[in-house]
mmCIF file of all heavy atoms, coordinates in Angstrom:
data_MODEL
# 
_entry.id   MODEL 
# 
loop_
_atom_site.group_PDB 
_atom_site.id 
_atom_site.type_symbol 
_atom_site.label_atom_id 
_atom_site.label_alt_id 
_atom_site.label_comp_id 
_atom_site.label_asym_id 
_atom_site.label_entity_id 
_atom_site.label_seq_id 
_atom_site.pdbx_PDB_ins_code 
_atom_site.Cartn_x 
_atom_site.Cartn_y 
_atom_site.Cartn_z 
_atom_site.occupancy 
_atom_site.B_iso_or_equiv 
_atom_site.pdbx_formal_charge 
_atom_site.auth_seq_id 
_atom_site.auth_comp_id 
_atom_site.auth_asym_id 
_atom_site.auth_atom_id 
_atom_site.pdbx_PDB_model_num 
ATOM 1   N N   . GLY A 1 1  ? 120.278 21.274 -0.619 1.00 0.00 ? 1  GLY A N   1 
ATOM 2   C CA  . GLY A 1 1  ? 121.014 21.514 -1.864 1.00 0.00 ? 1  GLY A CA  1 
ATOM 3   C C   . GLY A 1 1  ? 122.175 22.440 -1.714 1.00 0.00 ? 1  GLY A C   1 
ATOM 4   O O   . GLY A 1 1  ? 122.658 23.013 -2.704 1.00 0.00 ? 1  GLY A O   1 
ATOM 5   N N   . ASN A 1 2  ? 122.722 22.582 -0.496 1.00 0.00 ? 2  ASN A N   1 
ATOM 6   C CA  . ASN A 1 2  ? 123.845 23.464 -0.275 1.00 0.00 ? 2  ASN A CA  1 
ATOM 7   C C   . ASN A 1 2  ? 125.117 22.672 0.021  1.00 0.00 ? 2  ASN A C   1 
ATOM 8   O O   . ASN A 1 2  ? 125.071 21.561 0.527  1.00 0.00 ? 2  ASN A O   1 
ATOM 9   C CB  . ASN A 1 2  ? 123.558 24.364 0.940  1.00 0.00 ? 2  ASN A CB  1 
ATOM 10  C CG  . ASN A 1 2  ? 122.421 25.303 0.698  1.00 0.00 ? 2  ASN A CG  1 
ATOM 11  O OD1 . ASN A 1 2  ? 122.578 26.336 0.085  1.00 0.00 ? 2  ASN A OD1 1 
ATOM 12  N ND2 . ASN A 1 2  ? 121.249 24.947 1.192  1.00 0.00 ? 2  ASN A ND2 1 
ATOM 13  N N   . PRO A 1 3  ? 126.279 23.240 -0.285 1.00 0.00 ? 3  PRO A N   1 
ATOM 14  C CA  . PRO A 1 3  ? 127.545 22.556 0.036  1.00 0.00 ? 3  PRO A CA  1 
ATOM 15  C C   . PRO A 1 3  ? 127.815 22.560 1.527  1.00 0.00 ? 3  PRO A C   1 
ATOM 16  O O   . PRO A 1 3  ? 127.256 23.328 2.267  1.00 0.00 ? 3  PRO A O   1 
ATOM 17  C CB  . PRO A 1 3  ? 128.604 23.378 -0.725 1.00 0.00 ? 3  PRO A CB  1 
ATOM 18  C CG  . PRO A 1 3  ? 128.001 24.762 -0.821 1.00 0.00 ? 3  PRO A CG  1 
ATOM 19  C CD  . PRO A 1 3  ? 126.509 24.542 -0.980 1.00 0.00 ? 3  PRO A CD  1 
ATOM 20  N N   . GLU A 1 4  ? 128.707 21.678 1.959  1.00 0.00 ? 4  GLU A N   1 
ATOM 21  C CA  . GLU A 1 4  ? 129.089 21.618 3.364  1.00 0.00 ? 4  GLU A CA  1 
ATOM 22  C C   . GLU A 1 4  ? 129.767 22.918 3.794  1.00 0.00 ? 4  GLU A C   1 
ATOM 23  O O   . GLU A 1 4  ? 130.463 23.556 2.988  1.00 0.00 ? 4  GLU A O   1 
ATOM 24  C CB  . GLU A 1 4  ? 130.055 20.441 3.587  1.00 0.00 ? 4  GLU A CB  1 
ATOM 25  C CG  . GLU A 1 4  ? 130.479 20.240 5.013  1.00 0.00 ? 4  GLU A CG  1 
ATOM 26  C CD  . GLU A 1 4  ? 131.261 18.971 5.213  1.00 0.00 ? 4  GLU A CD  1 
ATOM 27  O OE1 . GLU A 1 4  ? 131.019 17.995 4.506  1.00 0.00 ? 4  GLU A OE1 1 
ATOM 28  O OE2 . GLU A 1 4  ? 132.169 18.998 6.077  1.00 0.00 ? 4  GLU A OE2 1 
ATOM 29  N N   . ASN A 1 5  ? 129.532 23.335 5.003  1.00 0.00 ? 5  ASN A N   1 
ATOM 30  C CA  . ASN A 1 5  ? 130.050 24.611 5.510  1.00 0.00 ? 5  ASN A CA  1 
ATOM 31  C C   . ASN A 1 5  ? 130.862 24.372 6.786  1.00 0.00 ? 5  ASN A C   1 
ATOM 32  O O   . ASN A 1 5  ? 130.298 24.016 7.814  1.00 0.00 ? 5  ASN A O   1 
ATOM 33  C CB  . ASN A 1 5  ? 128.890 25.576 5.790  1.00 0.00 ? 5  ASN A CB  1 
ATOM 34  C CG  . ASN A 1 5  ? 129.340 27.000 6.013  1.00 0.00 ? 5  ASN A CG  1 
ATOM 35  O OD1 . ASN A 1 5  ? 130.277 27.240 6.740  1.00 0.00 ? 5  ASN A OD1 1 
ATOM 36  N ND2 . ASN A 1 5  ? 128.679 27.951 5.384  1.00 0.00 ? 5  ASN A ND2 1 
ATOM 37  N N   . ASP A 1 6  ? 132.171 24.590 6.681  1.00 0.00 ? 6  ASP A N   1 
ATOM 38  C CA  . ASP A 1 6  ? 133.044 24.351 7.842  1.00 0.00 ? 6  ASP A CA  1 
ATOM 39  C C   . ASP A 1 6  ? 132.803 25.326 8.968  1.00 0.00 ? 6  ASP A C   1 
ATOM 40  O O   . ASP A 1 6  ? 133.166 25.068 10.106 1.00 0.00 ? 6  ASP A O   1 
ATOM 41  C CB  . ASP A 1 6  ? 134.511 24.432 7.414  1.00 0.00 ? 6  ASP A CB  1 
ATOM 42  C CG  . ASP A 1 6  ? 134.904 23.261 6.505  1.00 0.00 ? 6  ASP A CG  1 
ATOM 43  O OD1 . ASP A 1 6  ? 134.231 22.229 6.562  1.00 0.00 ? 6  ASP A OD1 1 
ATOM 44  O OD2 . ASP A 1 6  ? 135.844 23.445 5.712  1.00 0.00 ? 6  ASP A OD2 1 
ATOM 45  N N   . GLU A 1 7  ? 132.204 26.484 8.642  1.00 0.00 ? 7  GLU A N   1 
ATOM 46  C CA  . GLU A 1 7  ? 132.030 27.521 9.669  1.00 0.00 ? 7  GLU A CA  1 
ATOM 47  C C   . GLU A 1 7  ? 130.809 27.327 10.536 1.00 0.00 ? 7  GLU A C   1 
ATOM 48  O O   . GLU A 1 7  ? 130.673 27.949 11.597 1.00 0.00 ? 7  GLU A O   1 
ATOM 49  C CB  . GLU A 1 7  ? 131.921 28.910 8.969  1.00 0.00 ? 7  GLU A CB  1 
ATOM 50  C CG  . GLU A 1 7  ? 133.064 29.256 8.035  1.00 0.00 ? 7  GLU A CG  1 
ATOM 51  C CD  . GLU A 1 7  ? 134.362 29.481 8.803  1.00 0.00 ? 7  GLU A CD  1 
ATOM 52  O OE1 . GLU A 1 7  ? 134.313 29.772 9.990  1.00 0.00 ? 7  GLU A OE1 1 
ATOM 53  O OE2 . GLU A 1 7  ? 135.446 29.377 8.186  1.00 0.00 ? 7  GLU A OE2 1 
ATOM 54  N N   . ILE A 1 8  ? 129.895 26.496 10.106 1.00 0.00 ? 8  ILE A N   1 
ATOM 55  C CA  . ILE A 1 8  ? 128.624 26.370 10.841 1.00 0.00 ? 8  ILE A CA  1 
ATOM 56  C C   . ILE A 1 8  ? 128.836 25.698 12.194 1.00 0.00 ? 8  ILE A C   1 
ATOM 57  O O   . ILE A 1 8  ? 129.641 24.768 12.328 1.00 0.00 ? 8  ILE A O   1 
ATOM 58  C CB  . ILE A 1 8  ? 127.581 25.593 10.014 1.00 0.00 ? 8  ILE A CB  1 
ATOM 59  C CG1 . ILE A 1 8  ? 126.171 25.805 10.574 1.00 0.00 ? 8  ILE A CG1 1 
ATOM 60  C CG2 . ILE A 1 8  ? 127.924 24.114 9.930  1.00 0.00 ? 8  ILE A CG2 1 
ATOM 61  C CD1 . ILE A 1 8  ? 125.087 25.338 9.630  1.00 0.00 ? 8  ILE A CD1 1 
ATOM 62  N N   . LEU A 1 9  ? 128.153 26.227 13.207 1.00 0.00 ? 9  LEU A N   1 
ATOM 63  C CA  . LEU A 1 9  ? 128.194 25.655 14.571 1.00 0.00 ? 9  LEU A CA  1 
ATOM 64  C C   . LEU A 1 9  ? 127.098 24.663 14.791 1.00 0.00 ? 9  LEU A C   1 
ATOM 65  O O   . LEU A 1 9  ? 127.286 23.616 15.444 1.00 0.00 ? 9  LEU A O   1 
ATOM 66  C CB  . LEU A 1 9  ? 128.107 26.757 15.604 1.00 0.00 ? 9  LEU A CB  1 
ATOM 67  C CG  . LEU A 1 9  ? 129.152 27.887 15.548 1.00 0.00 ? 9  LEU A CG  1 
ATOM 68  C CD1 . LEU A 1 9  ? 128.863 28.911 16.622 1.00 0.00 ? 9  LEU A CD1 1 
ATOM 69  C CD2 . LEU A 1 9  ? 130.558 27.336 15.708 1.00 0.00 ? 9  LEU A CD2 1 
ATOM 70  N N   . GLY A 1 10 ? 125.900 24.985 14.286 1.00 0.00 ? 10 GLY A N   1 
ATOM 71  C CA  . GLY A 1 10 ? 124.731 24.135 14.497 1.00 0.00 ? 10 GLY A CA  1 
ATOM 72  C C   . GLY A 1 10 ? 123.517 24.793 13.901 1.00 0.00 ? 10 GLY A C   1 
ATOM 73  O O   . GLY A 1 10 ? 123.620 25.842 13.238 1.00 0.00 ? 10 GLY A O   1 
ATOM 74  N N   . ALA A 1 11 ? 122.345 24.200 14.153 1.00 0.00 ? 11 ALA A N   1 
ATOM 75  C CA  . ALA A 1 11 ? 121.116 24.737 13.639 1.00 0.00 ? 11 ALA A CA  1 
ATOM 76  C C   . ALA A 1 11 ? 119.977 24.459 14.634 1.00 0.00 ? 11 ALA A C   1 
ATOM 77  O O   . ALA A 1 11 ? 120.001 23.443 15.352 1.00 0.00 ? 11 ALA A O   1 
ATOM 78  C CB  . ALA A 1 11 ? 120.792 24.146 12.282 1.00 0.00 ? 11 ALA A CB  1 
ATOM 79  N N   . LEU A 1 12 ? 119.009 25.356 14.658 1.00 0.00 ? 12 LEU A N   1 
ATOM 80  C CA  . LEU A 1 12 ? 117.836 25.168 15.515 1.00 0.00 ? 12 LEU A CA  1 
ATOM 81  C C   . LEU A 1 12 ? 116.626 24.917 14.625 1.00 0.00 ? 12 LEU A C   1 
ATOM 82  O O   . LEU A 1 12 ? 116.340 25.696 13.719 1.00 0.00 ? 12 LEU A O   1 
ATOM 83  C CB  . LEU A 1 12 ? 117.606 26.411 16.361 1.00 0.00 ? 12 LEU A CB  1 
ATOM 84  C CG  . LEU A 1 12 ? 116.607 26.261 17.503 1.00 0.00 ? 12 LEU A CG  1 
ATOM 85  C CD1 . LEU A 1 12 ? 117.189 25.393 18.611 1.00 0.00 ? 12 LEU A CD1 1 
ATOM 86  C CD2 . LEU A 1 12 ? 116.231 27.639 18.095 1.00 0.00 ? 12 LEU A CD2 1 
ATOM 87  N N   . VAL A 1 13 ? 115.926 23.809 14.891 1.00 0.00 ? 13 VAL A N   1 
ATOM 88  C CA  . VAL A 1 13 ? 114.738 23.427 14.098 1.00 0.00 ? 13 VAL A CA  1 
ATOM 89  C C   . VAL A 1 13 ? 113.651 22.983 15.052 1.00 0.00 ? 13 VAL A C   1 
ATOM 90  O O   . VAL A 1 13 ? 113.901 22.674 16.214 1.00 0.00 ? 13 VAL A O   1 
ATOM 91  C CB  . VAL A 1 13 ? 115.068 22.307 13.089 1.00 0.00 ? 13 VAL A CB  1 
ATOM 92  C CG1 . VAL A 1 13 ? 116.208 22.732 12.145 1.00 0.00 ? 13 VAL A CG1 1 
ATOM 93  C CG2 . VAL A 1 13 ? 115.461 21.016 13.812 1.00 0.00 ? 13 VAL A CG2 1 
ATOM 94  N N   . ALA A 1 14 ? 112.430 22.895 14.514 1.00 0.00 ? 14 ALA A N   1 
ATOM 95  C CA  . ALA A 1 14 ? 111.308 22.430 15.322 1.00 0.00 ? 14 ALA A CA  1 
ATOM 96  C C   . ALA A 1 14 ? 111.470 20.955 15.626 1.00 0.00 ? 14 ALA A C   1 
ATOM 97  O O   . ALA A 1 14 ? 111.827 20.177 14.762 1.00 0.00 ? 14 ALA A O   1 
ATOM 98  C CB  . ALA A 1 14 ? 109.980 22.675 14.586 1.00 0.00 ? 14 ALA A CB  1 
ATOM 99  N N   . ASP A 1 15 ? 111.199 20.550 16.877 1.00 0.00 ? 15 ASP A N   1 
ATOM 100 C CA  . ASP A 1 15 ? 111.374 19.138 17.220 1.00 0.00 ? 15 ASP A CA  1 
ATOM 101 C C   . ASP A 1 15 ? 110.206 18.275 16.729 1.00 0.00 ? 15 ASP A C   1 
ATOM 102 O O   . ASP A 1 15 ? 110.230 17.058 16.857 1.00 0.00 ? 15 ASP A O   1 
ATOM 103 C CB  . ASP A 1 15 ? 111.587 18.933 18.712 1.00 0.00 ? 15 ASP A CB  1 
ATOM 104 C CG  . ASP A 1 15 ? 110.372 19.358 19.550 1.00 0.00 ? 15 ASP A CG  1 
ATOM 105 O OD1 . ASP A 1 15 ? 109.315 19.671 18.962 1.00 0.00 ? 15 ASP A OD1 1 
ATOM 106 O OD2 . ASP A 1 15 ? 110.482 19.380 20.784 1.00 0.00 ? 15 ASP A OD2 1 
ATOM 107 N N   . SER A 1 16 ? 109.219 18.905 16.100 1.00 0.00 ? 16 SER A N   1 
ATOM 108 C CA  . SER A 1 16 ? 108.128 18.157 15.480 1.00 0.00 ? 16 SER A CA  1 
ATOM 109 C C   . SER A 1 16 ? 108.601 17.525 14.165 1.00 0.00 ? 16 SER A C   1 
ATOM 110 O O   . SER A 1 16 ? 107.944 16.662 13.614 1.00 0.00 ? 16 SER A O   1 
ATOM 111 C CB  . SER A 1 16 ? 106.928 19.054 15.237 1.00 0.00 ? 16 SER A CB  1 
ATOM 112 O OG  . SER A 1 16 ? 107.281 20.157 14.421 1.00 0.00 ? 16 SER A OG  1 
ATOM 113 N N   . CYS A 1 17 ? 109.768 18.022 13.647 1.00 0.00 ? 17 CYS A N   1 
ATOM 114 C CA  . CYS A 1 17 ? 110.315 17.473 12.426 1.00 0.00 ? 17 CYS A CA  1 
ATOM 115 C C   . CYS A 1 17 ? 111.059 16.179 12.765 1.00 0.00 ? 17 CYS A C   1 
ATOM 116 O O   . CYS A 1 17 ? 112.060 16.218 13.482 1.00 0.00 ? 17 CYS A O   1 
ATOM 117 C CB  . CYS A 1 17 ? 111.296 18.493 11.796 1.00 0.00 ? 17 CYS A CB  1 
ATOM 118 S SG  . CYS A 1 17 ? 110.544 20.064 11.381 1.00 0.00 ? 17 CYS A SG  1 
ATOM 119 N N   . LYS A 1 18 ? 110.564 15.091 12.236 1.00 0.00 ? 18 LYS A N   1 
ATOM 120 C CA  . LYS A 1 18 ? 111.173 13.788 12.549 1.00 0.00 ? 18 LYS A CA  1 
ATOM 121 C C   . LYS A 1 18 ? 112.273 13.419 11.584 1.00 0.00 ? 18 LYS A C   1 
ATOM 122 O O   . LYS A 1 18 ? 113.161 12.643 11.909 1.00 0.00 ? 18 LYS A O   1 
ATOM 123 C CB  . LYS A 1 18 ? 110.091 12.697 12.524 1.00 0.00 ? 18 LYS A CB  1 
ATOM 124 C CG  . LYS A 1 18 ? 108.919 12.965 13.483 1.00 0.00 ? 18 LYS A CG  1 
ATOM 125 C CD  . LYS A 1 18 ? 109.417 13.162 14.911 1.00 0.00 ? 18 LYS A CD  1 
ATOM 126 C CE  . LYS A 1 18 ? 108.272 13.421 15.866 1.00 0.00 ? 18 LYS A CE  1 
ATOM 127 N NZ  . LYS A 1 18 ? 108.728 13.723 17.251 1.00 0.00 ? 18 LYS A NZ  1 
ATOM 128 N N   . ILE A 1 19 ? 112.202 13.967 10.376 1.00 0.00 ? 19 ILE A N   1 
ATOM 129 C CA  . ILE A 1 19 ? 113.239 13.727 9.376  1.00 0.00 ? 19 ILE A CA  1 
ATOM 130 C C   . ILE A 1 19 ? 113.664 15.087 8.785  1.00 0.00 ? 19 ILE A C   1 
ATOM 131 O O   . ILE A 1 19 ? 112.927 16.062 8.845  1.00 0.00 ? 19 ILE A O   1 
ATOM 132 C CB  . ILE A 1 19 ? 112.764 12.778 8.247  1.00 0.00 ? 19 ILE A CB  1 
ATOM 133 C CG1 . ILE A 1 19 ? 111.489 13.325 7.622  1.00 0.00 ? 19 ILE A CG1 1 
ATOM 134 C CG2 . ILE A 1 19 ? 112.537 11.375 8.778  1.00 0.00 ? 19 ILE A CG2 1 
ATOM 135 C CD1 . ILE A 1 19 ? 110.986 12.516 6.451  1.00 0.00 ? 19 ILE A CD1 1 
ATOM 136 N N   . TYR A 1 20 ? 114.823 15.124 8.152  1.00 0.00 ? 20 TYR A N   1 
ATOM 137 C CA  . TYR A 1 20 ? 115.369 16.372 7.646  1.00 0.00 ? 20 TYR A CA  1 
ATOM 138 C C   . TYR A 1 20 ? 114.484 16.984 6.553  1.00 0.00 ? 20 TYR A C   1 
ATOM 139 O O   . TYR A 1 20 ? 114.413 18.202 6.408  1.00 0.00 ? 20 TYR A O   1 
ATOM 140 C CB  . TYR A 1 20 ? 116.783 16.157 7.116  1.00 0.00 ? 20 TYR A CB  1 
ATOM 141 C CG  . TYR A 1 20 ? 117.786 15.933 8.237  1.00 0.00 ? 20 TYR A CG  1 
ATOM 142 C CD1 . TYR A 1 20 ? 118.009 14.646 8.731  1.00 0.00 ? 20 TYR A CD1 1 
ATOM 143 C CD2 . TYR A 1 20 ? 118.479 16.967 8.783  1.00 0.00 ? 20 TYR A CD2 1 
ATOM 144 C CE1 . TYR A 1 20 ? 118.902 14.421 9.782  1.00 0.00 ? 20 TYR A CE1 1 
ATOM 145 C CE2 . TYR A 1 20 ? 119.386 16.786 9.841  1.00 0.00 ? 20 TYR A CE2 1 
ATOM 146 C CZ  . TYR A 1 20 ? 119.595 15.505 10.288 1.00 0.00 ? 20 TYR A CZ  1 
ATOM 147 O OH  . TYR A 1 20 ? 120.478 15.290 11.326 1.00 0.00 ? 20 TYR A OH  1 
ATOM 148 N N   . TYR A 1 21 ? 113.786 16.147 5.803  1.00 0.00 ? 21 TYR A N   1 
ATOM 149 C CA  . TYR A 1 21 ? 112.974 16.643 4.717  1.00 0.00 ? 21 TYR A CA  1 
ATOM 150 C C   . TYR A 1 21 ? 111.689 17.312 5.207  1.00 0.00 ? 21 TYR A C   1 
ATOM 151 O O   . TYR A 1 21 ? 110.955 17.916 4.453  1.00 0.00 ? 21 TYR A O   1 
ATOM 152 C CB  . TYR A 1 21 ? 112.625 15.499 3.747  1.00 0.00 ? 21 TYR A CB  1 
ATOM 153 C CG  . TYR A 1 21 ? 113.902 14.913 3.158  1.00 0.00 ? 21 TYR A CG  1 
ATOM 154 C CD1 . TYR A 1 21 ? 114.468 13.789 3.732  1.00 0.00 ? 21 TYR A CD1 1 
ATOM 155 C CD2 . TYR A 1 21 ? 114.510 15.495 2.070  1.00 0.00 ? 21 TYR A CD2 1 
ATOM 156 C CE1 . TYR A 1 21 ? 115.653 13.271 3.206  1.00 0.00 ? 21 TYR A CE1 1 
ATOM 157 C CE2 . TYR A 1 21 ? 115.691 14.993 1.563  1.00 0.00 ? 21 TYR A CE2 1 
ATOM 158 C CZ  . TYR A 1 21 ? 116.257 13.876 2.123  1.00 0.00 ? 21 TYR A CZ  1 
ATOM 159 O OH  . TYR A 1 21 ? 117.424 13.363 1.626  1.00 0.00 ? 21 TYR A OH  1 
ATOM 160 N N   . ASP A 1 22 ? 111.421 17.194 6.512  1.00 0.00 ? 22 ASP A N   1 
ATOM 161 C CA  . ASP A 1 22 ? 110.281 17.869 7.107  1.00 0.00 ? 22 ASP A CA  1 
ATOM 162 C C   . ASP A 1 22 ? 110.603 19.305 7.505  1.00 0.00 ? 22 ASP A C   1 
ATOM 163 O O   . ASP A 1 22 ? 109.689 20.095 7.797  1.00 0.00 ? 22 ASP A O   1 
ATOM 164 C CB  . ASP A 1 22 ? 109.792 17.135 8.382  1.00 0.00 ? 22 ASP A CB  1 
ATOM 165 C CG  . ASP A 1 22 ? 109.139 15.810 8.038  1.00 0.00 ? 22 ASP A CG  1 
ATOM 166 O OD1 . ASP A 1 22 ? 108.701 15.636 6.898  1.00 0.00 ? 22 ASP A OD1 1 
ATOM 167 O OD2 . ASP A 1 22 ? 109.065 14.948 8.946  1.00 0.00 ? 22 ASP A OD2 1 
ATOM 168 N N   . VAL A 1 23 ? 111.875 19.650 7.568  1.00 0.00 ? 23 VAL A N   1 
ATOM 169 C CA  . VAL A 1 23 ? 112.284 20.945 8.097  1.00 0.00 ? 23 VAL A CA  1 
ATOM 170 C C   . VAL A 1 23 ? 111.961 22.059 7.083  1.00 0.00 ? 23 VAL A C   1 
ATOM 171 O O   . VAL A 1 23 ? 112.490 22.084 5.973  1.00 0.00 ? 23 VAL A O   1 
ATOM 172 C CB  . VAL A 1 23 ? 113.774 20.989 8.427  1.00 0.00 ? 23 VAL A CB  1 
ATOM 173 C CG1 . VAL A 1 23 ? 114.198 22.374 8.930  1.00 0.00 ? 23 VAL A CG1 1 
ATOM 174 C CG2 . VAL A 1 23 ? 114.125 19.919 9.466  1.00 0.00 ? 23 VAL A CG2 1 
ATOM 175 N N   . GLU A 1 24 ? 111.099 22.956 7.479  1.00 0.00 ? 24 GLU A N   1 
ATOM 176 C CA  . GLU A 1 24 ? 110.750 24.100 6.641  1.00 0.00 ? 24 GLU A CA  1 
ATOM 177 C C   . GLU A 1 24 ? 111.572 25.340 7.002  1.00 0.00 ? 24 GLU A C   1 
ATOM 178 O O   . GLU A 1 24 ? 111.923 26.135 6.136  1.00 0.00 ? 24 GLU A O   1 
ATOM 179 C CB  . GLU A 1 24 ? 109.251 24.429 6.799  1.00 0.00 ? 24 GLU A CB  1 
ATOM 180 C CG  . GLU A 1 24 ? 108.325 23.369 6.205  1.00 0.00 ? 24 GLU A CG  1 
ATOM 181 C CD  . GLU A 1 24 ? 108.439 23.282 4.687  1.00 0.00 ? 24 GLU A CD  1 
ATOM 182 O OE1 . GLU A 1 24 ? 108.791 24.290 4.063  1.00 0.00 ? 24 GLU A OE1 1 
ATOM 183 O OE2 . GLU A 1 24 ? 108.173 22.183 4.155  1.00 0.00 ? 24 GLU A OE2 1 
ATOM 184 N N   . VAL A 1 25 ? 111.849 25.492 8.298  1.00 0.00 ? 25 VAL A N   1 
ATOM 185 C CA  . VAL A 1 25 ? 112.591 26.681 8.787  1.00 0.00 ? 25 VAL A CA  1 
ATOM 186 C C   . VAL A 1 25 ? 113.683 26.208 9.718  1.00 0.00 ? 25 VAL A C   1 
ATOM 187 O O   . VAL A 1 25 ? 113.446 25.405 10.629 1.00 0.00 ? 25 VAL A O   1 
ATOM 188 C CB  . VAL A 1 25 ? 111.667 27.645 9.517  1.00 0.00 ? 25 VAL A CB  1 
ATOM 189 C CG1 . VAL A 1 25 ? 112.473 28.843 10.081 1.00 0.00 ? 25 VAL A CG1 1 
ATOM 190 C CG2 . VAL A 1 25 ? 110.568 28.164 8.609  1.00 0.00 ? 25 VAL A CG2 1 
ATOM 191 N N   . GLY A 1 26 ? 114.884 26.673 9.508  1.00 0.00 ? 26 GLY A N   1 
ATOM 192 C CA  . GLY A 1 26 ? 116.006 26.374 10.408 1.00 0.00 ? 26 GLY A CA  1 
ATOM 193 C C   . GLY A 1 26 ? 116.917 27.569 10.540 1.00 0.00 ? 26 GLY A C   1 
ATOM 194 O O   . GLY A 1 26 ? 117.212 28.238 9.553  1.00 0.00 ? 26 GLY A O   1 
ATOM 195 N N   . PHE A 1 27 ? 117.304 27.878 11.759 1.00 0.00 ? 27 PHE A N   1 
ATOM 196 C CA  . PHE A 1 27 ? 118.254 28.972 11.995 1.00 0.00 ? 27 PHE A CA  1 
ATOM 197 C C   . PHE A 1 27 ? 119.652 28.367 12.105 1.00 0.00 ? 27 PHE A C   1 
ATOM 198 O O   . PHE A 1 27 ? 119.873 27.462 12.911 1.00 0.00 ? 27 PHE A O   1 
ATOM 199 C CB  . PHE A 1 27 ? 117.914 29.711 13.283 1.00 0.00 ? 27 PHE A CB  1 
ATOM 200 C CG  . PHE A 1 27 ? 116.970 30.885 13.082 1.00 0.00 ? 27 PHE A CG  1 
ATOM 201 C CD1 . PHE A 1 27 ? 115.624 30.715 13.183 1.00 0.00 ? 27 PHE A CD1 1 
ATOM 202 C CD2 . PHE A 1 27 ? 117.483 32.127 12.753 1.00 0.00 ? 27 PHE A CD2 1 
ATOM 203 C CE1 . PHE A 1 27 ? 114.740 31.790 13.020 1.00 0.00 ? 27 PHE A CE1 1 
ATOM 204 C CE2 . PHE A 1 27 ? 116.637 33.206 12.558 1.00 0.00 ? 27 PHE A CE2 1 
ATOM 205 C CZ  . PHE A 1 27 ? 115.256 33.030 12.691 1.00 0.00 ? 27 PHE A CZ  1 
ATOM 206 N N   . MET A 1 28 ? 120.591 28.861 11.275 1.00 0.00 ? 28 MET A N   1 
ATOM 207 C CA  . MET A 1 28 ? 121.956 28.387 11.246 1.00 0.00 ? 28 MET A CA  1 
ATOM 208 C C   . MET A 1 28 ? 122.849 29.276 12.096 1.00 0.00 ? 28 MET A C   1 
ATOM 209 O O   . MET A 1 28 ? 122.842 30.506 11.968 1.00 0.00 ? 28 MET A O   1 
ATOM 210 C CB  . MET A 1 28 ? 122.474 28.369 9.819  1.00 0.00 ? 28 MET A CB  1 
ATOM 211 C CG  . MET A 1 28 ? 121.567 27.636 8.848  1.00 0.00 ? 28 MET A CG  1 
ATOM 212 S SD  . MET A 1 28 ? 121.432 25.857 9.233  1.00 0.00 ? 28 MET A SD  1 
ATOM 213 C CE  . MET A 1 28 ? 120.088 25.394 8.133  1.00 0.00 ? 28 MET A CE  1 
ATOM 214 N N   . PHE A 1 29 ? 123.674 28.667 12.958 1.00 0.00 ? 29 PHE A N   1 
ATOM 215 C CA  . PHE A 1 29 ? 124.537 29.431 13.889 1.00 0.00 ? 29 PHE A CA  1 
ATOM 216 C C   . PHE A 1 29 ? 125.979 29.456 13.396 1.00 0.00 ? 29 PHE A C   1 
ATOM 217 O O   . PHE A 1 29 ? 126.533 28.409 13.032 1.00 0.00 ? 29 PHE A O   1 
ATOM 218 C CB  . PHE A 1 29 ? 124.480 28.794 15.286 1.00 0.00 ? 29 PHE A CB  1 
ATOM 219 C CG  . PHE A 1 29 ? 123.194 29.040 16.039 1.00 0.00 ? 29 PHE A CG  1 
ATOM 220 C CD1 . PHE A 1 29 ? 122.033 28.397 15.644 1.00 0.00 ? 29 PHE A CD1 1 
ATOM 221 C CD2 . PHE A 1 29 ? 123.174 29.911 17.110 1.00 0.00 ? 29 PHE A CD2 1 
ATOM 222 C CE1 . PHE A 1 29 ? 120.854 28.637 16.338 1.00 0.00 ? 29 PHE A CE1 1 
ATOM 223 C CE2 . PHE A 1 29 ? 121.991 30.138 17.791 1.00 0.00 ? 29 PHE A CE2 1 
ATOM 224 C CZ  . PHE A 1 29 ? 120.821 29.500 17.392 1.00 0.00 ? 29 PHE A CZ  1 
# 
C-alpha cells in the first residue's frame, strides 16, 4: 500500500515467500 520510491535500491526477503503477499518482513535498501 505504499507509493513507488525512486530512491530504493532493493529489498531482502525470505526465499520461502513464493509470492509478494507472503512477505511479512522485508528490509529495504
